Amino acid sequence: MLAVVALSMTPEPFEMRWAAGLFLLAPLVLMPLALPLTTVTMSSKLISPLWITLWRIQFPAATLVAISFTLPTGTWAGLMAVPWLLTTGLIALIGLLDFDADQNRSLERLCSQVAMLYLPIGGVATVMTRSELTVFGFSDIIILATAVHFHYAGFILLILAGQVIRHRPGKIVRVATALALFGIPALATGITLSRFNYLYPEWLAAVGLSVVAMIIAWGQCRVAVRKFCGVRRSLLLISGLSLIAGMCMSILFAAGVFRGVHLLGIDIPWMLRYHAVINAFGFALCGVCGWHFVEQQTMTEHRPN
């Protein structure tokens, strides 16, 4: 509801409003579902109080950032987004403390730790886009897209990849997941270098991240078919297939940017209309719901009689 209000009241152009609505899906809906899927140890005396604090402030901070999108960009809108930045910072602190306490360095747990460490970058980009701040001359839509990608590809993708790894999908998927840990910062670096006319890094990072994401999606589909049934299987299959479709679009878009043309008419508004929607609702929402149901089923099966 808050996302709808933000979309209807903000004076930004259509693509900004649409991107804002897709972004708000993350703090308002996806984050509360995805955070319990992290493999961070919650029983630690140091981390446990931070988890309690996080659950107390997460929704109020998400509500404030949603309200910020109803305001004209500027100082007040930026200030309303600051609590969300602080929330992402707390999440990163939990991930850092868990990484420091982790002796085994399992890939599954590393996915959660790295995902949590990436979130403040999305939080900074959120404050920037609401404050009308910019860096290296990037447009508002690119900065907002940075916030979106660090919440979705930087956080949600890695959390779901960690869930896939738990069910032993195979060595190829494990290698792809390990590479995905570096995918988002590599892409951000490539986009930054593109401002200085270095186009190859952006194209290579975009294609590389898309390929490893598709492999992870294939692994999720494989796990869903082999180990689950009913709603859980359906949601995870929709999530995996949506991610594959969305990454195919990303590769076409990246190739078009590299060549200086819009291949098949795929430009930023087109990506917002199709790629972003498929990834937000098909991949992310169905994915976190599917794995959430898997976790609930697992807890029910292991509950003492």
C-alpha atoms as a PDB file:
ATOM      1  CA  MET A   1       0.000   0.000   0.000  1.00  0.00           C
ATOM      2  CA  LEU A   2       2.813   2.397   0.879  1.00  0.00           C
ATOM      3  CA  ALA A   3       4.475   1.628  -2.453  1.00  0.00           C
ATOM      4  CA  VAL A   4       1.258   2.502  -4.285  1.00  0.00           C
ATOM      5  CA  VAL A   5       0.987   5.781  -2.372  1.00  0.00           C
ATOM      6  CA  ALA A   6       4.577   6.631  -3.236  1.00  0.00           C
ATOM      7  CA  LEU A   7       3.990   5.867  -6.898  1.00  0.00           C
ATOM      8  CA  SER A   8       0.879   8.009  -7.060  1.00  0.00           C
ATOM      9  CA  MET A   9       2.252  11.058  -5.244  1.00  0.00           C
ATOM     10  CA  THR A  10       5.865  11.445  -6.338  1.00  0.00           C
ATOM     11  CA  PRO A  11       6.314  14.088  -9.078  1.00  0.00           C
ATOM     12  CA  GLU A  12       9.065  12.148 -10.868  1.00  0.00           C
ATOM     13  CA  PRO A  13       8.711  10.936 -14.487  1.00  0.00           C
ATOM     14  CA  PHE A  14       7.141   7.532 -15.155  1.00  0.00           C
ATOM     15  CA  GLU A  15      10.378   5.552 -15.178  1.00  0.00           C
ATOM     16  CA  MET A  16      11.448   7.037 -11.849  1.00  0.00           C
ATOM     17  CA  ARG A  17       8.049   6.275 -10.305  1.00  0.00           C
ATOM     18  CA  TRP A  18       8.082   2.749 -11.674  1.00  0.00           C
ATOM     19  CA  ALA A  19      11.647   2.109 -10.505  1.00  0.00           C
ATOM     20  CA  ALA A  20      10.739   3.579  -7.101  1.00  0.00           C
ATOM     21  CA  GLY A  21       7.827   1.183  -6.730  1.00  0.00           C
ATOM     22  CA  LEU A  22      10.000  -1.801  -7.594  1.00  0.00           C
ATOM     23  CA  PHE A  23      12.640  -0.617  -5.148  1.00  0.00           C
ATOM     24  CA  LEU A  24      10.103  -0.226  -2.319  1.00  0.00           C
ATOM     25  CA  LEU A  25       9.074  -3.844  -2.754  1.00  0.00           C
ATOM     26  CA  ALA A  26      12.475  -4.751  -1.271  1.00  0.00           C
ATOM     27  CA  PRO A  27      12.383  -2.943   2.110  1.00  0.00           C
ATOM     28  CA  LEU A  28       8.635  -3.350   2.622  1.00  0.00           C
ATOM     29  CA  VAL A  29       8.110  -6.971   1.538  1.00  0.00           C
ATOM     30  CA  LEU A  30      11.216  -8.847   0.439  1.00  0.00           C
ATOM     31  CA  MET A  31      13.566  -7.967   3.287  1.00  0.00           C
ATOM     32  CA  PRO A  32      11.262  -9.224   6.083  1.00  0.00           C
ATOM     33  CA  LEU A  33      10.932 -12.507   4.167  1.00  0.00           C
ATOM     34  CA  ALA A  34      14.592 -12.817   3.175  1.00  0.00           C
ATOM     35  CA  LEU A  35      16.297 -11.943   6.469  1.00  0.00           C
ATOM     36  CA  PRO A  36      15.132 -15.173   8.199  1.00  0.00           C
ATOM     37  CA  LEU A  37      16.680 -17.095   5.287  1.00  0.00           C
ATOM     38  CA  THR A  38      20.165 -15.888   6.165  1.00  0.00           C
ATOM     39  CA  THR A  39      22.468 -18.490   7.693  1.00  0.00           C
ATOM     40  CA  VAL A  40      23.933 -16.036  10.206  1.00  0.00           C
ATOM     41  CA  THR A  41      24.180 -17.447  13.728  1.00  0.00           C
ATOM     42  CA  MET A  42      21.477 -15.751  15.788  1.00  0.00           C
ATOM     43  CA  SER A  43      22.401 -17.390  19.117  1.00  0.00           C
ATOM     44  CA  SER A  44      25.643 -15.422  19.535  1.00  0.00           C
ATOM     45  CA  LYS A  45      25.647 -13.184  22.615  1.00  0.00           C
ATOM     46  CA  LEU A  46      26.984 -10.328  20.494  1.00  0.00           C
ATOM     47  CA  ILE A  47      24.773 -10.810  17.443  1.00  0.00           C
ATOM     48  CA  SER A  48      21.488 -11.746  19.150  1.00  0.00           C
ATOM     49  CA  PRO A  49      20.790  -8.237  20.578  1.00  0.00           C
ATOM     50  CA  LEU A  50      21.551  -6.736  17.179  1.00  0.00           C
ATOM     51  CA  TRP A  51      18.993  -9.067  15.539  1.00  0.00           C
ATOM     52  CA  ILE A  52      16.387  -7.969  18.070  1.00  0.00           C
ATOM     53  CA  THR A  53      17.172  -4.323  17.359  1.00  0.00           C
ATOM     54  CA  LEU A  54      17.037  -4.975  13.610  1.00  0.00           C
ATOM     55  CA  TRP A  55      13.554  -6.465  13.776  1.00  0.00           C
ATOM     56  CA  ARG A  56      12.370  -3.503  15.823  1.00  0.00           C
ATOM     57  CA  ILE A  57      13.616  -0.847  13.410  1.00  0.00           C
ATOM     58  CA  GLN A  58      13.348  -2.567  10.021  1.00  0.00           C
ATOM     59  CA  PHE A  59       9.694  -1.862   9.254  1.00  0.00           C
ATOM     60  CA  PRO A  60       9.634   1.721  10.648  1.00  0.00           C
ATOM     61  CA  ALA A  61      12.727   2.491   8.548  1.00  0.00           C
ATOM     62  CA  ALA A  62      11.121   0.894   5.483  1.00  0.00           C
ATOM     63  CA  THR A  63       7.971   2.954   6.090  1.00  0.00           C
ATOM     64  CA  LEU A  64       9.997   6.167   6.276  1.00  0.00           C
ATOM     65  CA  VAL A  65      11.868   5.439   3.052  1.00  0.00           C
ATOM     66  CA  ALA A  66       8.524   4.754   1.366  1.00  0.00           C
ATOM     67  CA  ILE A  67       7.220   8.101   2.611  1.00  0.00           C
ATOM     68  CA  SER A  68      10.386   9.761   1.287  1.00  0.00           C
ATOM     69  CA  PHE A  69       9.326   8.754  -2.218  1.00  0.00           C
ATOM     70  CA  THR A  70       6.091  10.732  -1.774  1.00  0.00           C
ATOM     71  CA  LEU A  71       8.130  13.917  -1.272  1.00  0.00           C
ATOM     72  CA  PRO A  72       9.937  15.976  -3.891  1.00  0.00           C
ATOM     73  CA  THR A  73      13.603  15.054  -4.093  1.00  0.00           C
ATOM     74  CA  GLY A  74      15.683  17.199  -1.793  1.00  0.00           C
ATOM     75  CA  THR A  75      16.811  17.562   1.795  1.00  0.00           C
ATOM     76  CA  TRP A  76      13.662  16.307   3.528  1.00  0.00           C
ATOM     77  CA  ALA A  77      13.242  13.330   1.249  1.00  0.00           C
ATOM     78  CA  GLY A  78      16.898  12.463   1.788  1.00  0.00           C
ATOM     79  CA  LEU A  79      16.558  12.705   5.566  1.00  0.00           C
ATOM     80  CA  MET A  80      13.558  10.370   5.491  1.00  0.00           C
ATOM     81  CA  ALA A  81      15.733   7.787   3.730  1.00  0.00           C
ATOM     82  CA  VAL A  82      18.556   7.976   6.290  1.00  0.00           C
ATOM     83  CA  PRO A  83      16.920   5.501   8.749  1.00  0.00           C
ATOM     84  CA  TRP A  84      16.946   2.903   5.981  1.00  0.00           C
ATOM     85  CA  LEU A  85      20.642   3.567   5.409  1.00  0.00           C
ATOM     86  CA  LEU A  86      21.239   3.028   9.129  1.00  0.00           C
ATOM     87  CA  THR A  87      19.212  -0.189   8.987  1.00  0.00           C
ATOM     88  CA  THR A  88      21.309  -1.524   6.126  1.00  0.00           C
ATOM     89  CA  GLY A  89      24.390  -0.541   8.112  1.00  0.00           C
ATOM     90  CA  LEU A  90      23.153  -2.596  11.067  1.00  0.00           C
ATOM     91  CA  ILE A  91      22.542  -5.560   8.756  1.00  0.00           C
ATOM     92  CA  ALA A  92      26.084  -5.201   7.430  1.00  0.00           C
ATOM     93  CA  LEU A  93      27.458  -5.078  10.984  1.00  0.00           C
ATOM     94  CA  ILE A  94      25.685  -8.348  11.792  1.00  0.00           C
ATOM     95  CA  GLY A  95      27.144  -9.911   8.668  1.00  0.00           C
ATOM     96  CA  LEU A  96      30.637  -8.654   9.516  1.00  0.00           C
ATOM     97  CA  LEU A  97      30.469  -9.973  13.083  1.00  0.00           C
ATOM     98  CA  ASP A  98      29.242 -13.329  11.838  1.00  0.00           C
ATOM     99  CA  PHE A  99      32.070 -13.460   9.301  1.00  0.00           C
ATOM    100  CA  ASP A 100      34.586 -12.743  12.055  1.00  0.00           C
ATOM    101  CA  ALA A 101      33.136 -15.506  14.261  1.00  0.00           C
ATOM    102  CA  ASP A 102      32.798 -18.043  11.422  1.00  0.00           C
ATOM    103  CA  GLN A 103      35.514 -20.704  11.590  1.00  0.00           C
ATOM    104  CA  ASN A 104      34.327 -22.963   8.762  1.00  0.00           C
ATOM    105  CA  ARG A 105      33.921 -20.375   5.950  1.00  0.00           C
ATOM    106  CA  SER A 106      31.219 -22.440   4.237  1.00  0.00           C
ATOM    107  CA  LEU A 107      29.997 -21.041   0.905  1.00  0.00           C
ATOM    108  CA  GLU A 108      26.400 -21.185   2.100  1.00  0.00           C
ATOM    109  CA  ARG A 109      27.130 -18.973   5.088  1.00  0.00           C
ATOM    110  CA  LEU A 110      29.475 -16.732   3.110  1.00  0.00           C
ATOM    111  CA  CYS A 111      26.598 -15.915   0.740  1.00  0.00           C
ATOM    112  CA  SER A 112      24.598 -14.457   3.629  1.00  0.00           C
ATOM    113  CA  GLN A 113      27.581 -12.586   5.074  1.00  0.00           C
ATOM    114  CA  VAL A 114      28.556 -10.965   1.758  1.00  0.00           C
ATOM    115  CA  ALA A 115      24.929 -10.164   0.903  1.00  0.00           C
ATOM    116  CA  MET A 116      24.558  -8.323   4.197  1.00  0.00           C
ATOM    117  CA  LEU A 117      27.801  -6.411   3.655  1.00  0.00           C
ATOM    118  CA  TYR A 118      26.610  -5.170   0.242  1.00  0.00           C
ATOM    119  CA  LEU A 119      23.359  -3.669   1.516  1.00  0.00           C
ATOM    120  CA  PRO A 120      24.720  -0.325   2.812  1.00  0.00           C
ATOM    121  CA  ILE A 121      25.842   0.524  -0.729  1.00  0.00           C
ATOM    122  CA  GLY A 122      22.200   0.248  -1.743  1.00  0.00           C
ATOM    123  CA  GLY A 123      21.306   2.331   1.299  1.00  0.00           C
ATOM    124  CA  VAL A 124      23.742   5.084   0.288  1.00  0.00           C
ATOM    125  CA  ALA A 125      22.356   5.080  -3.252  1.00  0.00           C
ATOM    126  CA  THR A 126      18.835   5.362  -1.837  1.00  0.00           C
ATOM    127  CA  VAL A 127      19.738   8.465   0.173  1.00  0.00           C
ATOM    128  CA  MET A 128      21.504   9.928  -2.859  1.00  0.00           C
ATOM    129  CA  THR A 129      18.548   9.441  -5.172  1.00  0.00           C
ATOM    130  CA  ARG A 130      16.130  11.028  -2.673  1.00  0.00           C
ATOM    131  CA  SER A 131      18.543  13.890  -1.904  1.00  0.00           C
ATOM    132  CA  GLU A 132      19.172  14.613  -5.594  1.00  0.00           C
ATOM    133  CA  LEU A 133      22.874  13.974  -5.100  1.00  0.00           C
ATOM    134  CA  THR A 134      24.977  12.540  -7.884  1.00  0.00           C
ATOM    135  CA  VAL A 135      28.471  11.214  -8.501  1.00  0.00           C
ATOM    136  CA  PHE A 136      30.530  11.132 -11.717  1.00  0.00           C
ATOM    137  CA  GLY A 137      27.609  12.808 -13.489  1.00  0.00           C
ATOM    138  CA  PHE A 138      25.306   9.758 -13.319  1.00  0.00           C
ATOM    139  CA  SER A 139      21.614  10.470 -13.861  1.00  0.00           C
ATOM    140  CA  ASP A 140      18.963   9.989 -11.158  1.00  0.00           C
ATOM    141  CA  ILE A 141      17.643   6.825 -12.805  1.00  0.00           C
ATOM    142  CA  ILE A 142      21.121   5.232 -12.790  1.00  0.00           C
ATOM    143  CA  ILE A 143      21.610   6.014  -9.092  1.00  0.00           C
ATOM    144  CA  LEU A 144      18.153   4.613  -8.290  1.00  0.00           C
ATOM    145  CA  ALA A 145      18.994   1.551 -10.394  1.00  0.00           C
ATOM    146  CA  THR A 146      22.124   1.145  -8.255  1.00  0.00           C
ATOM    147  CA  ALA A 147      19.967   1.094  -5.123  1.00  0.00           C
ATOM    148  CA  VAL A 148      17.655  -1.457  -6.734  1.00  0.00           C
ATOM    149  CA  HIS A 149      20.471  -3.738  -7.907  1.00  0.00           C
ATOM    150  CA  PHE A 150      22.281  -3.812  -4.557  1.00  0.00           C
ATOM    151  CA  HIS A 151      19.023  -4.837  -2.869  1.00  0.00           C
ATOM    152  CA  TYR A 152      18.048  -7.426  -5.462  1.00  0.00           C
ATOM    153  CA  ALA A 153      21.224  -8.782  -7.095  1.00  0.00           C
ATOM    154  CA  GLY A 154      23.481  -7.857  -4.197  1.00  0.00           C
ATOM    155  CA  PHE A 155      21.248  -9.187  -1.415  1.00  0.00           C
ATOM    156  CA  ILE A 156      18.286 -11.287  -2.598  1.00  0.00           C
ATOM    157  CA  LEU A 157      20.240 -13.219  -5.254  1.00  0.00           C
ATOM    158  CA  LEU A 158      22.993 -14.194  -2.815  1.00  0.00           C
ATOM    159  CA  ILE A 159      20.536 -15.158  -0.055  1.00  0.00           C
ATOM    160  CA  LEU A 160      18.638 -17.419  -2.462  1.00  0.00           C
ATOM    161  CA  ALA A 161      21.917 -18.791  -3.842  1.00  0.00           C
ATOM    162  CA  GLY A 162      22.863 -19.760  -0.289  1.00  0.00           C
ATOM    163  CA  GLN A 163      19.602 -21.671   0.027  1.00  0.00           C
ATOM    164  CA  VAL A 164      20.323 -23.491  -3.226  1.00  0.00           C
ATOM    165  CA  ILE A 165      23.820 -24.430  -2.003  1.00  0.00           C
ATOM    166  CA  ARG A 166      22.316 -26.014   1.118  1.00  0.00           C
ATOM    167  CA  HIS A 167      20.665 -28.615  -1.085  1.00  0.00           C
ATOM    168  CA  ARG A 168      23.856 -29.614  -2.942  1.00  0.00           C
ATOM    169  CA  PRO A 169      22.984 -28.622  -6.513  1.00  0.00           C
ATOM    170  CA  GLY A 170      26.356 -29.624  -7.995  1.00  0.00           C
ATOM    171  CA  LYS A 171      29.878 -28.246  -8.510  1.00  0.00           C
ATOM    172  CA  ILE A 172      28.970 -25.965 -11.428  1.00  0.00           C
ATOM    173  CA  VAL A 173      26.370 -24.142  -9.347  1.00  0.00           C
ATOM    174  CA  ARG A 174      28.825 -23.851  -6.453  1.00  0.00           C
ATOM    175  CA  VAL A 175      31.430 -22.271  -8.734  1.00  0.00           C
ATOM    176  CA  ALA A 176      28.821 -19.887 -10.174  1.00  0.00           C
ATOM    177  CA  THR A 177      27.745 -18.912  -6.651  1.00  0.00           C
ATOM    178  CA  ALA A 178      31.346 -18.210  -5.653  1.00  0.00           C
ATOM    179  CA  LEU A 179      31.733 -15.969  -8.717  1.00  0.00           C
ATOM    180  CA  ALA A 180      28.424 -14.240  -7.965  1.00  0.00           C
ATOM    181  CA  LEU A 181      29.912 -12.986  -4.688  1.00  0.00           C
ATOM    182  CA  PHE A 182      32.048 -10.616  -6.769  1.00  0.00           C
ATOM    183  CA  GLY A 183      29.476  -9.921  -9.507  1.00  0.00           C
ATOM    184  CA  ILE A 184      27.740  -6.808  -8.218  1.00  0.00           C
ATOM    185  CA  PRO A 185      30.885  -4.844  -7.198  1.00  0.00           C
ATOM    186  CA  ALA A 186      32.462  -5.830 -10.529  1.00  0.00           C
ATOM    187  CA  LEU A 187      29.425  -4.488 -12.379  1.00  0.00           C
ATOM    188  CA  ALA A 188      29.396  -1.280 -10.322  1.00  0.00           C
ATOM    189  CA  THR A 189      33.073  -0.795 -11.083  1.00  0.00           C
ATOM    190  CA  GLY A 190      32.462  -1.399 -14.784  1.00  0.00           C
ATOM    191  CA  ILE A 191      29.624   1.135 -14.899  1.00  0.00           C
ATOM    192  CA  THR A 192      31.831   3.699 -13.143  1.00  0.00           C
ATOM    193  CA  LEU A 193      34.678   3.109 -15.614  1.00  0.00           C
ATOM    194  CA  SER A 194      32.235   3.543 -18.508  1.00  0.00           C
ATOM    195  CA  ARG A 195      31.995   7.221 -17.540  1.00  0.00           C
ATOM    196  CA  PHE A 196      35.667   7.453 -18.536  1.00  0.00           C
ATOM    197  CA  ASN A 197      35.062   5.651 -21.859  1.00  0.00           C
ATOM    198  CA  TYR A 198      36.286   2.238 -20.678  1.00  0.00           C
ATOM    199  CA  LEU A 199      33.422   0.117 -21.994  1.00  0.00           C
ATOM    200  CA  TYR A 200      34.867  -3.390 -21.874  1.00  0.00           C
ATOM    201  CA  PRO A 201      34.770  -3.810 -18.056  1.00  0.00           C
ATOM    202  CA  GLU A 202      31.059  -2.920 -17.876  1.00  0.00           C
ATOM    203  CA  TRP A 203      30.146  -5.287 -20.718  1.00  0.00           C
ATOM    204  CA  LEU A 204      32.224  -8.160 -19.334  1.00  0.00           C
ATOM    205  CA  ALA A 205      30.870  -7.699 -15.795  1.00  0.00           C
ATOM    206  CA  ALA A 206      27.257  -7.485 -16.988  1.00  0.00           C
ATOM    207  CA  VAL A 207      27.533 -10.585 -19.158  1.00  0.00           C
ATOM    208  CA  GLY A 208      29.509 -12.482 -16.511  1.00  0.00           C
ATOM    209  CA  LEU A 209      27.021 -11.697 -13.730  1.00  0.00           C
ATOM    210  CA  SER A 210      24.112 -12.605 -15.994  1.00  0.00           C
ATOM    211  CA  VAL A 211      25.662 -15.977 -16.865  1.00  0.00           C
ATOM    212  CA  VAL A 212      26.439 -16.947 -13.265  1.00  0.00           C
ATOM    213  CA  ALA A 213      22.944 -15.821 -12.194  1.00  0.00           C
ATOM    214  CA  MET A 214      21.430 -18.066 -14.867  1.00  0.00           C
ATOM    215  CA  ILE A 215      23.492 -21.006 -13.617  1.00  0.00           C
ATOM    216  CA  ILE A 216      22.267 -20.369 -10.061  1.00  0.00           C
ATOM    217  CA  ALA A 217      18.702 -20.167 -11.405  1.00  0.00           C
ATOM    218  CA  TRP A 218      19.176 -23.477 -13.204  1.00  0.00           C
ATOM    219  CA  GLY A 219      20.450 -24.969  -9.937  1.00  0.00           C
ATOM    220  CA  GLN A 220      17.387 -23.701  -8.093  1.00  0.00           C
ATOM    221  CA  CYS A 221      15.071 -25.211 -10.719  1.00  0.00           C
ATOM    222  CA  ARG A 222      16.941 -28.493 -10.456  1.00  0.00           C
ATOM    223  CA  VAL A 223      16.649 -28.549  -6.661  1.00  0.00           C
ATOM    224  CA  ALA A 224      12.954 -27.616  -6.862  1.00  0.00           C
ATOM    225  CA  VAL A 225      12.142 -30.481  -9.223  1.00  0.00           C
ATOM    226  CA  ARG A 226      14.174 -33.068  -7.317  1.00  0.00           C
ATOM    227  CA  LYS A 227      13.335 -32.221  -3.716  1.00  0.00           C
ATOM    228  CA  PHE A 228      10.077 -30.292  -3.457  1.00  0.00           C
ATOM    229  CA  CYS A 229       6.488 -30.457  -4.633  1.00  0.00           C
ATOM    230  CA  GLY A 230       3.332 -28.379  -4.707  1.00  0.00           C
ATOM    231  CA  VAL A 231       3.500 -24.658  -4.034  1.00  0.00           C
ATOM    232  CA  ARG A 232       7.169 -24.742  -3.021  1.00  0.00           C
ATOM    233  CA  ARG A 233       8.224 -26.345  -6.296  1.00  0.00           C
ATOM    234  CA  SER A 234       6.039 -24.011  -8.349  1.00  0.00           C
ATOM    235  CA  LEU A 235       7.331 -20.835  -6.686  1.00  0.00           C
ATOM    236  CA  LEU A 236      10.970 -21.864  -6.967  1.00  0.00           C
ATOM    237  CA  LEU A 237      10.531 -22.843 -10.621  1.00  0.00           C
ATOM    238  CA  ILE A 238       8.849 -19.531 -11.429  1.00  0.00           C
ATOM    239  CA  SER A 239      11.670 -17.743  -9.600  1.00  0.00           C
ATOM    240  CA  GLY A 240      14.421 -19.623 -11.446  1.00  0.00           C
ATOM    241  CA  LEU A 241      12.866 -19.315 -14.886  1.00  0.00           C
ATOM    242  CA  SER A 242      12.138 -15.616 -14.323  1.00  0.00           C
ATOM    243  CA  LEU A 243      15.771 -15.009 -13.400  1.00  0.00           C
ATOM    244  CA  ILE A 244      16.955 -16.779 -16.549  1.00  0.00           C
ATOM    245  CA  ALA A 245      14.598 -14.656 -18.689  1.00  0.00           C
ATOM    246  CA  GLY A 246      15.662 -11.456 -16.938  1.00  0.00           C
ATOM    247  CA  MET A 247      19.358 -12.208 -17.377  1.00  0.00           C
ATOM    248  CA  CYS A 248      18.886 -12.901 -21.099  1.00  0.00           C
ATOM    249  CA  MET A 249      17.445  -9.388 -21.342  1.00  0.00           C
ATOM    250  CA  SER A 250      20.439  -8.030 -19.414  1.00  0.00           C
ATOM    251  CA  ILE A 251      22.872  -9.599 -21.860  1.00  0.00           C
ATOM    252  CA  LEU A 252      21.016  -8.079 -24.835  1.00  0.00           C
ATOM    253  CA  PHE A 253      20.904  -4.687 -23.136  1.00  0.00           C
ATOM    254  CA  ALA A 254      24.623  -4.817 -22.266  1.00  0.00           C
ATOM    255  CA  ALA A 255      25.499  -5.805 -25.830  1.00  0.00           C
ATOM    256  CA  GLY A 256      23.452  -2.891 -27.128  1.00  0.00           C
ATOM    257  CA  VAL A 257      25.159  -0.422 -24.784  1.00  0.00           C
ATOM    258  CA  PHE A 258      28.552  -1.753 -25.832  1.00  0.00           C
ATOM    259  CA  ARG A 259      27.730  -1.333 -29.549  1.00  0.00           C
ATOM    260  CA  GLY A 260      26.024   2.022 -29.074  1.00  0.00           C
ATOM    261  CA  VAL A 261      22.612   0.800 -30.313  1.00  0.00           C
ATOM    262  CA  HIS A 262      19.417  -0.543 -28.764  1.00  0.00           C
ATOM    263  CA  LEU A 263      19.307  -4.190 -29.815  1.00  0.00           C
ATOM    264  CA  LEU A 264      15.683  -5.238 -30.429  1.00  0.00           C
ATOM    265  CA  GLY A 265      14.623  -1.853 -29.045  1.00  0.00           C
ATOM    266  CA  ILE A 266      15.869  -2.739 -25.552  1.00  0.00           C
ATOM    267  CA  ASP A 267      16.615   0.542 -23.759  1.00  0.00           C
ATOM    268  CA  ILE A 268      16.313   1.650 -20.112  1.00  0.00           C
ATOM    269  CA  PRO A 269      12.514   2.235 -20.184  1.00  0.00           C
ATOM    270  CA  TRP A 270      12.102  -1.199 -21.823  1.00  0.00           C
ATOM    271  CA  MET A 271      14.275  -2.793 -19.117  1.00  0.00           C
ATOM    272  CA  LEU A 272      12.207  -1.128 -16.403  1.00  0.00           C
ATOM    273  CA  ARG A 273       8.991  -2.314 -18.008  1.00  0.00           C
ATOM    274  CA  TYR A 274       9.968  -5.949 -18.484  1.00  0.00           C
ATOM    275  CA  HIS A 275      13.339  -6.948 -17.022  1.00  0.00           C
ATOM    276  CA  ALA A 276      12.771  -5.193 -13.697  1.00  0.00           C
ATOM    277  CA  VAL A 277       9.212  -6.479 -13.268  1.00  0.00           C
ATOM    278  CA  ILE A 278      10.168 -10.074 -14.089  1.00  0.00           C
ATOM    279  CA  ASN A 279      13.066  -9.965 -11.640  1.00  0.00           C
ATOM    280  CA  ALA A 280      11.159  -8.203  -8.855  1.00  0.00           C
ATOM    281  CA  PHE A 281       7.981 -10.278  -8.884  1.00  0.00           C
ATOM    282  CA  GLY A 282       8.955 -13.444 -10.741  1.00  0.00           C
ATOM    283  CA  PHE A 283      12.452 -14.016  -9.399  1.00  0.00           C
ATOM    284  CA  ALA A 284      12.681 -12.203  -6.063  1.00  0.00           C
ATOM    285  CA  LEU A 285       9.150 -12.367  -4.648  1.00  0.00           C
ATOM    286  CA  CYS A 286       8.431 -15.931  -5.761  1.00  0.00           C
ATOM    287  CA  GLY A 287      11.935 -16.978  -4.706  1.00  0.00           C
ATOM    288  CA  VAL A 288      11.821 -15.644  -1.143  1.00  0.00           C
ATOM    289  CA  CYS A 289       8.271 -16.956  -0.692  1.00  0.00           C
ATOM    290  CA  GLY A 290       9.251 -20.378  -2.039  1.00  0.00           C
ATOM    291  CA  TRP A 291      12.285 -20.730   0.225  1.00  0.00           C
ATOM    292  CA  HIS A 292      10.295 -19.300   3.132  1.00  0.00           C
ATOM    293  CA  PHE A 293       7.764 -22.124   2.698  1.00  0.00           C
ATOM    294  CA  VAL A 294      10.634 -24.618   2.491  1.00  0.00           C
ATOM    295  CA  GLU A 295      12.012 -23.323   5.804  1.00  0.00           C
ATOM    296  CA  GLN A 296       8.585 -23.511   7.433  1.00  0.00           C
ATOM    297  CA  GLN A 297       8.174 -27.089   6.239  1.00  0.00           C
ATOM    298  CA  THR A 298      11.626 -27.990   7.550  1.00  0.00           C
ATOM    299  CA  MET A 299      10.875 -26.493  10.967  1.00  0.00           C
ATOM    300  CA  THR A 300       7.570 -28.379  11.112  1.00  0.00           C
ATOM    301  CA  GLU A 301       9.253 -31.691  10.270  1.00  0.00           C
ATOM    302  CA  HIS A 302      11.929 -31.214  12.959  1.00  0.00           C
ATOM    303  CA  ARG A 303       9.544 -29.984  15.634  1.00  0.00           C
ATOM    304  CA  PRO A 304       9.400 -32.353  18.629  1.00  0.00           C
ATOM    305  CA  ASN A 305       6.122 -34.250  18.959  1.00  0.00           C
END
